[in-house]
Amino acid sequence: MQTVLFLAVVANSIDLFATAIGIHLFGNREGNPLLAGLAHEHWLAFVLVKGVIVPLLIWRLYRYRHQTPWLSNAGLALVTIALTVAVGQWVGWIAGVIEVHGVRAF
């Protein structure tokens, strides 16, 4: 279960990094589908939510493993899968932009 916790936190961090790259360097105006408005209008608040609050919520879910093991395990697995899919979508989108437009000077 500690491995899943680690993967969830790492996937969240990579998703935050990919969101920053996608929005600021490649001009994606959609961004993170769940937090798009926050990401575009209030970047610092988005970073605080995605970089601090989400990992704390993941840790809290992990701490519930003794009280409700099935629910905690299922929730942590679901969060890990969702964040991994989000990272995969960002990587695919960024690769598509680079393929179509090439690497442009920043």
Protein backbone atom coordinates (compact mmCIF):
# COMPACT_ATOMS: atom_id res chain seq x y z
CA MET A 1 0.00 0.00 0.00
CA GLN A 2 2.95 2.34 0.57
CA THR A 3 3.93 1.87 -3.05
CA VAL A 4 0.48 3.02 -4.18
CA LEU A 5 0.76 6.03 -1.87
CA PHE A 6 4.14 6.88 -3.39
CA LEU A 7 2.80 6.45 -6.93
CA ALA A 8 -0.19 8.69 -6.18
CA VAL A 9 1.99 11.50 -4.84
CA VAL A 10 4.49 11.18 -7.69
CA ALA A 11 1.71 11.11 -10.31
CA ASN A 12 0.19 14.24 -8.73
CA SER A 13 3.56 16.01 -8.86
CA ILE A 14 4.13 15.04 -12.49
CA ASP A 15 0.59 16.15 -13.34
CA LEU A 16 1.28 19.55 -11.77
CA PHE A 17 4.51 19.86 -13.75
CA ALA A 18 2.84 18.75 -17.01
CA THR A 19 0.00 21.21 -16.40
CA ALA A 20 2.52 24.02 -16.00
CA ILE A 21 4.36 23.00 -19.17
CA GLY A 22 1.14 22.56 -21.15
CA ILE A 23 -0.42 25.84 -20.11
CA HIS A 24 2.56 28.16 -19.96
CA LEU A 25 4.92 26.84 -22.63
CA PHE A 26 2.58 25.26 -25.16
CA GLY A 27 -0.44 27.53 -24.76
CA ASN A 28 -3.07 24.97 -23.77
CA ARG A 29 -6.10 26.99 -22.74
CA GLU A 30 -7.99 24.00 -21.41
CA GLY A 31 -5.54 22.79 -18.81
CA ASN A 32 -6.51 20.41 -16.07
CA PRO A 33 -10.19 19.59 -16.77
CA LEU A 34 -11.25 19.62 -13.11
CA LEU A 35 -9.29 22.69 -12.11
CA ALA A 36 -9.10 24.59 -15.41
CA GLY A 37 -10.69 27.80 -14.14
CA LEU A 38 -8.41 27.90 -11.14
CA ALA A 39 -5.35 27.07 -13.24
CA HIS A 40 -5.96 29.91 -15.69
CA GLU A 41 -7.29 32.62 -13.40
CA HIS A 42 -5.37 32.02 -10.15
CA TRP A 43 -2.15 30.12 -10.86
CA LEU A 44 -0.73 30.39 -7.33
CA ALA A 45 -3.96 29.06 -5.83
CA PHE A 46 -3.89 26.19 -8.34
CA VAL A 47 -0.31 25.33 -7.35
CA LEU A 48 -1.27 25.40 -3.67
CA VAL A 49 -4.28 23.15 -4.25
CA LYS A 50 -2.48 20.73 -6.55
CA GLY A 51 0.88 20.82 -4.80
CA VAL A 52 -0.16 20.94 -1.14
CA ILE A 53 -3.82 20.13 -0.54
CA VAL A 54 -4.12 17.17 -2.93
CA PRO A 55 -1.05 15.37 -1.45
CA LEU A 56 -2.43 16.00 2.04
CA LEU A 57 -5.77 14.50 1.01
CA ILE A 58 -3.95 11.50 -0.50
CA TRP A 59 -2.04 11.08 2.76
CA ARG A 60 -5.31 11.34 4.74
CA LEU A 61 -6.85 8.64 2.56
CA TYR A 62 -3.81 6.46 3.22
CA ARG A 63 -4.18 7.02 6.99
CA TYR A 64 -7.76 5.66 6.87
CA ARG A 65 -6.46 2.23 5.83
CA HIS A 66 -6.82 0.83 9.39
CA GLN A 67 -10.38 2.08 9.94
CA THR A 68 -11.86 1.33 6.52
CA PRO A 69 -9.33 -0.80 4.63
CA TRP A 70 -11.47 -1.60 1.59
CA LEU A 71 -12.63 1.95 1.06
CA SER A 72 -9.18 3.41 1.67
CA ASN A 73 -7.47 0.96 -0.67
CA ALA A 74 -10.06 1.42 -3.41
CA GLY A 75 -9.94 5.20 -3.09
CA LEU A 76 -6.16 5.33 -3.19
CA ALA A 77 -6.07 3.01 -6.20
CA LEU A 78 -8.69 5.13 -7.98
CA VAL A 79 -6.78 8.36 -7.30
CA THR A 80 -3.54 6.80 -8.53
CA ILE A 81 -5.16 5.52 -11.73
CA ALA A 82 -6.87 8.87 -12.41
CA LEU A 83 -3.66 10.83 -11.92
CA THR A 84 -1.69 8.40 -14.07
CA VAL A 85 -4.25 8.72 -16.87
CA ALA A 86 -4.08 12.52 -16.56
CA VAL A 87 -0.29 12.43 -16.87
CA GLY A 88 -0.59 10.17 -19.91
CA GLN A 89 -3.04 12.56 -21.54
CA TRP A 90 -0.73 15.51 -20.93
CA VAL A 91 2.27 13.66 -22.34
CA GLY A 92 0.25 12.68 -25.40
CA TRP A 93 -1.04 16.21 -25.91
CA ILE A 94 2.44 17.73 -25.55
CA ALA A 95 3.90 15.15 -27.95
CA GLY A 96 1.17 15.97 -30.46
CA VAL A 97 1.86 19.71 -30.24
CA ILE A 98 5.58 19.14 -30.73
CA GLU A 99 4.92 16.81 -33.68
CA VAL A 100 2.56 19.23 -35.41
CA HIS A 101 4.24 22.54 -34.65
CA GLY A 102 7.78 21.47 -33.89
CA VAL A 103 9.83 22.71 -31.00
CA ARG A 104 9.66 26.45 -31.06
CA ALA A 105 12.09 28.81 -29.34
CA PHE A 106 10.86 30.02 -25.96
